[in-house]
Amino acid sequence: MKHAHQRHQCRIDAVSEAIRRAGSIGALERLAGIPPTVEDRTAFWLPFSHLPGASALDAGVAELKRRIIAAATGPQQRTHRPMWENPTGPS
C-alpha cells in the first residue's frame, strides 16, 4: 500500500503529464473546469487583459495550471499554522 505522500506525488505526476499533453489553451481550460461558453471563457480571461502582450497569456495559463493542480490534489491538510495567521480570524 502506498503512503499518502506517494499517492499525492502520483496524482501530481499524472496531472503534470495531462498539462504537458494539453495541445491548446482550450484543452487547459477544460482541464481547469472552465465552462466552454464564450461568457465563461471571457470571464476567466478578463482579469488578465490589463497585462501587456504575452504577459496576459502567460498569467492566464499559469492560473489555469494552478487550478488544474489544485482540483487534482484536493484540499491540503496543514499540520501547522503559520505564526502570522490568526486562528479566530481578522482582528
PDB file of N, CA and C in Angstrom:
ATOM      1  N   MET A   1       0.838  -1.180   0.000  1.00  0.00           N
ATOM      2  CA  MET A   1       0.000   0.000   0.000  1.00  0.00           C
ATOM      3  C   MET A   1       0.886   1.247   0.000  1.00  0.00           C
ATOM      4  N   LYS A   2       0.534   2.212  -0.829  1.00  0.00           N
ATOM      5  CA  LYS A   2       1.320   3.434  -0.912  1.00  0.00           C
ATOM      6  C   LYS A   2       0.962   4.369   0.226  1.00  0.00           C
ATOM      7  N   HIS A   3       1.952   5.095   0.688  1.00  0.00           N
ATOM      8  CA  HIS A   3       1.726   6.112   1.715  1.00  0.00           C
ATOM      9  C   HIS A   3       1.058   7.324   1.074  1.00  0.00           C
ATOM     10  N   ALA A   4       0.463   8.160   1.903  1.00  0.00           N
ATOM     11  CA  ALA A   4      -0.252   9.337   1.416  1.00  0.00           C
ATOM     12  C   ALA A   4       0.643  10.220   0.556  1.00  0.00           C
ATOM     13  N   HIS A   5       1.880  10.392   0.953  1.00  0.00           N
ATOM     14  CA  HIS A   5       2.798  11.235   0.180  1.00  0.00           C
ATOM     15  C   HIS A   5       3.030  10.644  -1.210  1.00  0.00           C
ATOM     16  N   GLN A   6       3.172   9.334  -1.287  1.00  0.00           N
ATOM     17  CA  GLN A   6       3.400   8.688  -2.581  1.00  0.00           C
ATOM     18  C   GLN A   6       2.168   8.814  -3.472  1.00  0.00           C
ATOM     19  N   ARG A   7       0.969   8.643  -2.892  1.00  0.00           N
ATOM     20  CA  ARG A   7      -0.260   8.795  -3.672  1.00  0.00           C
ATOM     21  C   ARG A   7      -0.397  10.227  -4.169  1.00  0.00           C
ATOM     22  N   HIS A   8      -0.087  11.183  -3.303  1.00  0.00           N
ATOM     23  CA  HIS A   8      -0.149  12.592  -3.673  1.00  0.00           C
ATOM     24  C   HIS A   8       0.810  12.875  -4.827  1.00  0.00           C
ATOM     25  N   GLN A   9       2.024  12.350  -4.740  1.00  0.00           N
ATOM     26  CA  GLN A   9       3.016  12.565  -5.795  1.00  0.00           C
ATOM     27  C   GLN A   9       2.573  11.918  -7.103  1.00  0.00           C
ATOM     28  N   CYS A  10       1.944  10.755  -7.037  1.00  0.00           N
ATOM     29  CA  CYS A  10       1.440  10.091  -8.246  1.00  0.00           C
ATOM     30  C   CYS A  10       0.371  10.950  -8.923  1.00  0.00           C
ATOM     31  N   ARG A  11      -0.522  11.552  -8.115  1.00  0.00           N
ATOM     32  CA  ARG A  11      -1.546  12.436  -8.678  1.00  0.00           C
ATOM     33  C   ARG A  11      -0.900  13.645  -9.336  1.00  0.00           C
ATOM     34  N   ILE A  12       0.076  14.234  -8.673  1.00  0.00           N
ATOM     35  CA  ILE A  12       0.760  15.395  -9.233  1.00  0.00           C
ATOM     36  C   ILE A  12       1.454  15.018 -10.540  1.00  0.00           C
ATOM     37  N   ASP A  13       2.101  13.858 -10.571  1.00  0.00           N
ATOM     38  CA  ASP A  13       2.769  13.408 -11.800  1.00  0.00           C
ATOM     39  C   ASP A  13       1.762  13.222 -12.928  1.00  0.00           C
ATOM     40  N   ALA A  14       0.606  12.616 -12.627  1.00  0.00           N
ATOM     41  CA  ALA A  14      -0.423  12.397 -13.646  1.00  0.00           C
ATOM     42  C   ALA A  14      -0.980  13.727 -14.147  1.00  0.00           C
ATOM     43  N   VAL A  15      -1.183  14.659 -13.247  1.00  0.00           N
ATOM     44  CA  VAL A  15      -1.700  15.970 -13.627  1.00  0.00           C
ATOM     45  C   VAL A  15      -0.661  16.722 -14.460  1.00  0.00           C
ATOM     46  N   SER A  16       0.587  16.657 -14.056  1.00  0.00           N
ATOM     47  CA  SER A  16       1.655  17.309 -14.830  1.00  0.00           C
ATOM     48  C   SER A  16       1.709  16.758 -16.245  1.00  0.00           C
ATOM     49  N   GLU A  17       1.527  15.462 -16.379  1.00  0.00           N
ATOM     50  CA  GLU A  17       1.527  14.835 -17.700  1.00  0.00           C
ATOM     51  C   GLU A  17       0.322  15.307 -18.512  1.00  0.00           C
ATOM     52  N   ALA A  18      -0.845  15.401 -17.884  1.00  0.00           N
ATOM     53  CA  ALA A  18      -2.041  15.880 -18.590  1.00  0.00           C
ATOM     54  C   ALA A  18      -1.854  17.321 -19.054  1.00  0.00           C
ATOM     55  N   ILE A  19      -1.251  18.140 -18.210  1.00  0.00           N
ATOM     56  CA  ILE A  19      -0.985  19.538 -18.586  1.00  0.00           C
ATOM     57  C   ILE A  19      -0.008  19.571 -19.757  1.00  0.00           C
ATOM     58  N   ARG A  20       1.030  18.758 -19.682  1.00  0.00           N
ATOM     59  CA  ARG A  20       2.040  18.727 -20.751  1.00  0.00           C
ATOM     60  C   ARG A  20       1.413  18.307 -22.081  1.00  0.00           C
ATOM     61  N   ARG A  21       0.482  17.371 -22.028  1.00  0.00           N
ATOM     62  CA  ARG A  21      -0.139  16.849 -23.249  1.00  0.00           C
ATOM     63  C   ARG A  21      -1.246  17.744 -23.803  1.00  0.00           C
ATOM     64  N   ALA A  22      -1.737  18.672 -22.993  1.00  0.00           N
ATOM     65  CA  ALA A  22      -2.796  19.565 -23.472  1.00  0.00           C
ATOM     66  C   ALA A  22      -2.253  20.327 -24.680  1.00  0.00           C
ATOM     67  N   GLY A  23      -2.923  20.211 -25.785  1.00  0.00           N
ATOM     68  CA  GLY A  23      -2.404  20.787 -27.018  1.00  0.00           C
ATOM     69  C   GLY A  23      -2.895  22.180 -27.337  1.00  0.00           C
ATOM     70  N   SER A  24      -3.723  22.726 -26.458  1.00  0.00           N
ATOM     71  CA  SER A  24      -4.268  24.052 -26.743  1.00  0.00           C
ATOM     72  C   SER A  24      -4.690  24.732 -25.444  1.00  0.00           C
ATOM     73  N   ILE A  25      -4.937  26.026 -25.558  1.00  0.00           N
ATOM     74  CA  ILE A  25      -5.460  26.780 -24.419  1.00  0.00           C
ATOM     75  C   ILE A  25      -6.829  26.214 -24.045  1.00  0.00           C
ATOM     76  N   GLY A  26      -7.630  25.869 -25.036  1.00  0.00           N
ATOM     77  CA  GLY A  26      -8.947  25.298 -24.770  1.00  0.00           C
ATOM     78  C   GLY A  26      -8.863  24.006 -23.972  1.00  0.00           C
ATOM     79  N   ALA A  27      -7.863  23.182 -24.279  1.00  0.00           N
ATOM     80  CA  ALA A  27      -7.680  21.933 -23.526  1.00  0.00           C
ATOM     81  C   ALA A  27      -7.325  22.236 -22.074  1.00  0.00           C
ATOM     82  N   LEU A  28      -6.475  23.230 -21.850  1.00  0.00           N
ATOM     83  CA  LEU A  28      -6.146  23.627 -20.476  1.00  0.00           C
ATOM     84  C   LEU A  28      -7.380  24.168 -19.761  1.00  0.00           C
ATOM     85  N   GLU A  29      -8.177  24.963 -20.480  1.00  0.00           N
ATOM     86  CA  GLU A  29      -9.404  25.499 -19.881  1.00  0.00           C
ATOM     87  C   GLU A  29     -10.326  24.358 -19.456  1.00  0.00           C
ATOM     88  N   ARG A  30     -10.478  23.347 -20.300  1.00  0.00           N
ATOM     89  CA  ARG A  30     -11.347  22.216 -19.951  1.00  0.00           C
ATOM     90  C   ARG A  30     -10.806  21.478 -18.727  1.00  0.00           C
ATOM     91  N   LEU A  31      -9.487  21.239 -18.699  1.00  0.00           N
ATOM     92  CA  LEU A  31      -8.891  20.564 -17.545  1.00  0.00           C
ATOM     93  C   LEU A  31      -9.091  21.374 -16.265  1.00  0.00           C
ATOM     94  N   ALA A  32      -9.092  22.703 -16.400  1.00  0.00           N
ATOM     95  CA  ALA A  32      -9.261  23.587 -15.237  1.00  0.00           C
ATOM     96  C   ALA A  32     -10.719  23.746 -14.832  1.00  0.00           C
ATOM     97  N   GLY A  33     -11.633  23.200 -15.626  1.00  0.00           N
ATOM     98  CA  GLY A  33     -13.044  23.284 -15.287  1.00  0.00           C
ATOM     99  C   GLY A  33     -13.730  24.555 -15.746  1.00  0.00           C
ATOM    100  N   ILE A  34     -13.112  25.275 -16.680  1.00  0.00           N
ATOM    101  CA  ILE A  34     -13.741  26.480 -17.222  1.00  0.00           C
ATOM    102  C   ILE A  34     -14.809  26.026 -18.221  1.00  0.00           C
ATOM    103  N   PRO A  35     -16.063  26.402 -18.023  1.00  0.00           N
ATOM    104  CA  PRO A  35     -17.100  26.010 -18.992  1.00  0.00           C
ATOM    105  C   PRO A  35     -16.775  26.576 -20.383  1.00  0.00           C
ATOM    106  N   PRO A  36     -17.172  25.855 -21.447  1.00  0.00           N
ATOM    107  CA  PRO A  36     -16.767  26.247 -22.800  1.00  0.00           C
ATOM    108  C   PRO A  36     -17.569  27.382 -23.424  1.00  0.00           C
ATOM    109  N   THR A  37     -18.419  28.031 -22.656  1.00  0.00           N
ATOM    110  CA  THR A  37     -19.194  29.127 -23.241  1.00  0.00           C
ATOM    111  C   THR A  37     -18.319  30.359 -23.407  1.00  0.00           C
ATOM    112  N   VAL A  38     -18.667  31.170 -24.365  1.00  0.00           N
ATOM    113  CA  VAL A  38     -17.937  32.410 -24.611  1.00  0.00           C
ATOM    114  C   VAL A  38     -17.944  33.283 -23.360  1.00  0.00           C
ATOM    115  N   GLU A  39     -19.084  33.338 -22.683  1.00  0.00           N
ATOM    116  CA  GLU A  39     -19.204  34.178 -21.487  1.00  0.00           C
ATOM    117  C   GLU A  39     -18.276  33.700 -20.370  1.00  0.00           C
ATOM    118  N   ASP A  40     -18.228  32.396 -20.139  1.00  0.00           N
ATOM    119  CA  ASP A  40     -17.382  31.866 -19.070  1.00  0.00           C
ATOM    120  C   ASP A  40     -15.898  32.007 -19.399  1.00  0.00           C
ATOM    121  N   ARG A  41     -15.553  31.764 -20.649  1.00  0.00           N
ATOM    122  CA  ARG A  41     -14.147  31.910 -21.046  1.00  0.00           C
ATOM    123  C   ARG A  41     -13.723  33.378 -20.952  1.00  0.00           C
ATOM    124  N   THR A  42     -14.600  34.273 -21.374  1.00  0.00           N
ATOM    125  CA  THR A  42     -14.305  35.707 -21.283  1.00  0.00           C
ATOM    126  C   THR A  42     -14.153  36.119 -19.825  1.00  0.00           C
ATOM    127  N   ALA A  43     -15.037  35.622 -18.965  1.00  0.00           N
ATOM    128  CA  ALA A  43     -14.955  35.948 -17.537  1.00  0.00           C
ATOM    129  C   ALA A  43     -13.637  35.476 -16.937  1.00  0.00           C
ATOM    130  N   PHE A  44     -13.148  34.336 -17.400  1.00  0.00           N
ATOM    131  CA  PHE A  44     -11.859  33.857 -16.883  1.00  0.00           C
ATOM    132  C   PHE A  44     -10.722  34.763 -17.347  1.00  0.00           C
ATOM    133  N   TRP A  45     -10.682  35.096 -18.624  1.00  0.00           N
ATOM    134  CA  TRP A  45      -9.543  35.828 -19.194  1.00  0.00           C
ATOM    135  C   TRP A  45      -9.572  37.331 -18.928  1.00  0.00           C
ATOM    136  N   LEU A  46     -10.722  37.894 -18.645  1.00  0.00           N
ATOM    137  CA  LEU A  46     -10.836  39.340 -18.452  1.00  0.00           C
ATOM    138  C   LEU A  46      -9.886  39.915 -17.397  1.00  0.00           C
ATOM    139  N   PRO A  47      -9.706  39.273 -16.240  1.00  0.00           N
ATOM    140  CA  PRO A  47      -8.793  39.841 -15.249  1.00  0.00           C
ATOM    141  C   PRO A  47      -7.334  39.947 -15.717  1.00  0.00           C
ATOM    142  N   PHE A  48      -6.984  39.230 -16.766  1.00  0.00           N
ATOM    143  CA  PHE A  48      -5.609  39.271 -17.261  1.00  0.00           C
ATOM    144  C   PHE A  48      -5.438  40.254 -18.414  1.00  0.00           C
ATOM    145  N   SER A  49      -6.528  40.833 -18.882  1.00  0.00           N
ATOM    146  CA  SER A  49      -6.496  41.670 -20.084  1.00  0.00           C
ATOM    147  C   SER A  49      -5.732  42.977 -19.907  1.00  0.00           C
ATOM    148  N   HIS A  50      -5.506  43.400 -18.681  1.00  0.00           N
ATOM    149  CA  HIS A  50      -4.770  44.647 -18.460  1.00  0.00           C
ATOM    150  C   HIS A  50      -3.256  44.464 -18.615  1.00  0.00           C
ATOM    151  N   LEU A  51      -2.799  43.219 -18.633  1.00  0.00           N
ATOM    152  CA  LEU A  51      -1.370  42.950 -18.755  1.00  0.00           C
ATOM    153  C   LEU A  51      -0.921  43.113 -20.201  1.00  0.00           C
ATOM    154  N   PRO A  52       0.307  43.560 -20.414  1.00  0.00           N
ATOM    155  CA  PRO A  52       0.774  43.781 -21.777  1.00  0.00           C
ATOM    156  C   PRO A  52       1.114  42.482 -22.515  1.00  0.00           C
ATOM    157  N   GLY A  53       0.704  42.410 -23.769  1.00  0.00           N
ATOM    158  CA  GLY A  53       1.093  41.350 -24.691  1.00  0.00           C
ATOM    159  C   GLY A  53       1.026  39.941 -24.136  1.00  0.00           C
ATOM    160  N   ALA A  54       2.139  39.236 -24.287  1.00  0.00           N
ATOM    161  CA  ALA A  54       2.223  37.826 -23.891  1.00  0.00           C
ATOM    162  C   ALA A  54       2.106  37.638 -22.385  1.00  0.00           C
ATOM    163  N   SER A  55       2.305  38.682 -21.614  1.00  0.00           N
ATOM    164  CA  SER A  55       2.181  38.565 -20.158  1.00  0.00           C
ATOM    165  C   SER A  55       0.768  38.154 -19.755  1.00  0.00           C
ATOM    166  N   ALA A  56      -0.232  38.649 -20.482  1.00  0.00           N
ATOM    167  CA  ALA A  56      -1.617  38.289 -20.195  1.00  0.00           C
ATOM    168  C   ALA A  56      -1.826  36.796 -20.421  1.00  0.00           C
ATOM    169  N   LEU A  57      -1.326  36.292 -21.527  1.00  0.00           N
ATOM    170  CA  LEU A  57      -1.453  34.872 -21.834  1.00  0.00           C
ATOM    171  C   LEU A  57      -0.697  34.024 -20.818  1.00  0.00           C
ATOM    172  N   ASP A  58       0.522  34.433 -20.501  1.00  0.00           N
ATOM    173  CA  ASP A  58       1.339  33.687 -19.529  1.00  0.00           C
ATOM    174  C   ASP A  58       0.657  33.624 -18.158  1.00  0.00           C
ATOM    175  N   ALA A  59       0.114  34.749 -17.716  1.00  0.00           N
ATOM    176  CA  ALA A  59      -0.552  34.787 -16.411  1.00  0.00           C
ATOM    177  C   ALA A  59      -1.813  33.920 -16.418  1.00  0.00           C
ATOM    178  N   GLY A  60      -2.569  33.970 -17.503  1.00  0.00           N
ATOM    179  CA  GLY A  60      -3.767  33.149 -17.606  1.00  0.00           C
ATOM    180  C   GLY A  60      -3.452  31.665 -17.622  1.00  0.00           C
ATOM    181  N   VAL A  61      -2.432  31.287 -18.372  1.00  0.00           N
ATOM    182  CA  VAL A  61      -2.030  29.882 -18.427  1.00  0.00           C
ATOM    183  C   VAL A  61      -1.531  29.417 -17.058  1.00  0.00           C
ATOM    184  N   ALA A  62      -0.776  30.258 -16.374  1.00  0.00           N
ATOM    185  CA  ALA A  62      -0.302  29.903 -15.031  1.00  0.00           C
ATOM    186  C   ALA A  62      -1.483  29.668 -14.093  1.00  0.00           C
ATOM    187  N   GLU A  63      -2.525  30.508 -14.193  1.00  0.00           N
ATOM    188  CA  GLU A  63      -3.711  30.339 -13.359  1.00  0.00           C
ATOM    189  C   GLU A  63      -4.464  29.061 -13.720  1.00  0.00           C
ATOM    190  N   LEU A  64      -4.562  28.762 -15.019  1.00  0.00           N
ATOM    191  CA  LEU A  64      -5.210  27.511 -15.432  1.00  0.00           C
ATOM    192  C   LEU A  64      -4.476  26.318 -14.837  1.00  0.00           C
ATOM    193  N   LYS A  65      -3.156  26.319 -14.922  1.00  0.00           N
ATOM    194  CA  LYS A  65      -2.359  25.217 -14.375  1.00  0.00           C
ATOM    195  C   LYS A  65      -2.528  25.116 -12.863  1.00  0.00           C
ATOM    196  N   ARG A  66      -2.560  26.263 -12.183  1.00  0.00           N
ATOM    197  CA  ARG A  66      -2.751  26.258 -10.739  1.00  0.00           C
ATOM    198  C   ARG A  66      -4.091  25.622 -10.378  1.00  0.00           C
ATOM    199  N   ARG A  67      -5.137  25.977 -11.124  1.00  0.00           N
ATOM    200  CA  ARG A  67      -6.468  25.430 -10.863  1.00  0.00           C
ATOM    201  C   ARG A  67      -6.524  23.926 -11.140  1.00  0.00           C
ATOM    202  N   ILE A  68      -5.866  23.493 -12.202  1.00  0.00           N
ATOM    203  CA  ILE A  68      -5.849  22.066 -12.542  1.00  0.00           C
ATOM    204  C   ILE A  68      -5.186  21.278 -11.422  1.00  0.00           C
ATOM    205  N   ILE A  69      -4.045  21.747 -10.972  1.00  0.00           N
ATOM    206  CA  ILE A  69      -3.312  21.056  -9.901  1.00  0.00           C
ATOM    207  C   ILE A  69      -4.110  21.073  -8.604  1.00  0.00           C
ATOM    208  N   ALA A  70      -4.705  22.217  -8.285  1.00  0.00           N
ATOM    209  CA  ALA A  70      -5.486  22.325  -7.048  1.00  0.00           C
ATOM    210  C   ALA A  70      -6.682  21.373  -7.072  1.00  0.00           C
ATOM    211  N   ALA A  71      -7.343  21.270  -8.213  1.00  0.00           N
ATOM    212  CA  ALA A  71      -8.504  20.383  -8.317  1.00  0.00           C
ATOM    213  C   ALA A  71      -8.087  18.918  -8.201  1.00  0.00           C
ATOM    214  N   ALA A  72      -6.932  18.587  -8.750  1.00  0.00           N
ATOM    215  CA  ALA A  72      -6.490  17.189  -8.748  1.00  0.00           C
ATOM    216  C   ALA A  72      -5.949  16.746  -7.397  1.00  0.00           C
ATOM    217  N   THR A  73      -5.339  17.644  -6.686  1.00  0.00           N
ATOM    218  CA  THR A  73      -4.731  17.265  -5.414  1.00  0.00           C
ATOM    219  C   THR A  73      -5.676  17.467  -4.244  1.00  0.00           C
ATOM    220  N   GLY A  74      -6.748  18.227  -4.454  1.00  0.00           N
ATOM    221  CA  GLY A  74      -7.727  18.439  -3.395  1.00  0.00           C
ATOM    222  C   GLY A  74      -7.201  19.339  -2.307  1.00  0.00           C
ATOM    223  N   PRO A  75      -8.028  19.566  -1.307  1.00  0.00           N
ATOM    224  CA  PRO A  75      -7.593  20.433  -0.210  1.00  0.00           C
ATOM    225  C   PRO A  75      -6.444  19.797   0.555  1.00  0.00           C
ATOM    226  N   GLN A  76      -5.500  20.603   0.856  1.00  0.00           N
ATOM    227  CA  GLN A  76      -4.323  20.121   1.584  1.00  0.00           C
ATOM    228  C   GLN A  76      -4.528  20.349   3.071  1.00  0.00           C
ATOM    229  N   GLN A  77      -4.278  19.322   3.850  1.00  0.00           N
ATOM    230  CA  GLN A  77      -4.356  19.483   5.293  1.00  0.00           C
ATOM    231  C   GLN A  77      -3.022  20.008   5.790  1.00  0.00           C
ATOM    232  N   ARG A  78      -3.109  21.066   6.579  1.00  0.00           N
ATOM    233  CA  ARG A  78      -1.882  21.626   7.135  1.00  0.00           C
ATOM    234  C   ARG A  78      -1.660  21.038   8.513  1.00  0.00           C
ATOM    235  N   THR A  79      -0.409  20.776   8.808  1.00  0.00           N
ATOM    236  CA  THR A  79      -0.088  20.236  10.119  1.00  0.00           C
ATOM    237  C   THR A  79       0.275  21.338  11.097  1.00  0.00           C
ATOM    238  N   HIS A  80       0.474  22.538  10.599  1.00  0.00           N
ATOM    239  CA  HIS A  80       0.787  23.660  11.478  1.00  0.00           C
ATOM    240  C   HIS A  80       0.199  24.934  10.886  1.00  0.00           C
ATOM    241  N   ARG A  81       0.043  25.918  11.706  1.00  0.00           N
ATOM    242  CA  ARG A  81      -0.488  27.202  11.281  1.00  0.00           C
ATOM    243  C   ARG A  81       0.650  28.217  11.301  1.00  0.00           C
ATOM    244  N   PRO A  82       0.818  28.951  10.204  1.00  0.00           N
ATOM    245  CA  PRO A  82       1.859  29.979  10.225  1.00  0.00           C
ATOM    246  C   PRO A  82       1.627  30.938  11.391  1.00  0.00           C
ATOM    247  N   MET A  83       2.688  31.394  11.987  1.00  0.00           N
ATOM    248  CA  MET A  83       2.547  32.209  13.186  1.00  0.00           C
ATOM    249  C   MET A  83       1.832  33.528  12.910  1.00  0.00           C
ATOM    250  N   TRP A  84       1.785  33.978  11.659  1.00  0.00           N
ATOM    251  CA  TRP A  84       1.119  35.238  11.367  1.00  0.00           C
ATOM    252  C   TRP A  84      -0.385  35.051  11.142  1.00  0.00           C
ATOM    253  N   GLU A  85      -0.857  33.794  11.063  1.00  0.00           N
ATOM    254  CA  GLU A  85      -2.261  33.548  10.818  1.00  0.00           C
ATOM    255  C   GLU A  85      -3.026  33.505  12.133  1.00  0.00           C
ATOM    256  N   ASN A  86      -4.050  34.303  12.230  1.00  0.00           N
ATOM    257  CA  ASN A  86      -4.879  34.356  13.426  1.00  0.00           C
ATOM    258  C   ASN A  86      -5.970  33.288  13.315  1.00  0.00           C
ATOM    259  N   PRO A  87      -6.006  32.283  14.191  1.00  0.00           N
ATOM    260  CA  PRO A  87      -6.985  31.215  14.076  1.00  0.00           C
ATOM    261  C   PRO A  87      -8.429  31.668  14.278  1.00  0.00           C
ATOM    262  N   THR A  88      -8.643  32.831  14.879  1.00  0.00           N
ATOM    263  CA  THR A  88     -10.010  33.318  15.127  1.00  0.00           C
ATOM    264  C   THR A  88     -10.458  34.315  14.075  1.00  0.00           C
ATOM    265  N   GLY A  89      -9.631  34.566  13.078  1.00  0.00           N
ATOM    266  CA  GLY A  89      -9.999  35.493  12.006  1.00  0.00           C
ATOM    267  C   GLY A  89      -9.326  36.832  12.189  1.00  0.00           C
ATOM    268  N   PRO A  90      -9.686  37.781  11.336  1.00  0.00           N
ATOM    269  CA  PRO A  90      -9.048  39.112  11.384  1.00  0.00           C
ATOM    270  C   PRO A  90      -9.342  39.819  12.699  1.00  0.00           C
ATOM    271  N   SER A  91      -8.413  40.635  13.109  1.00  0.00           N
ATOM    272  CA  SER A  91      -8.582  41.390  14.362  1.00  0.00           C
ATOM    273  C   SER A  91      -9.506  42.561  14.165  1.00  0.00           C
TER     274      SER A  91
END
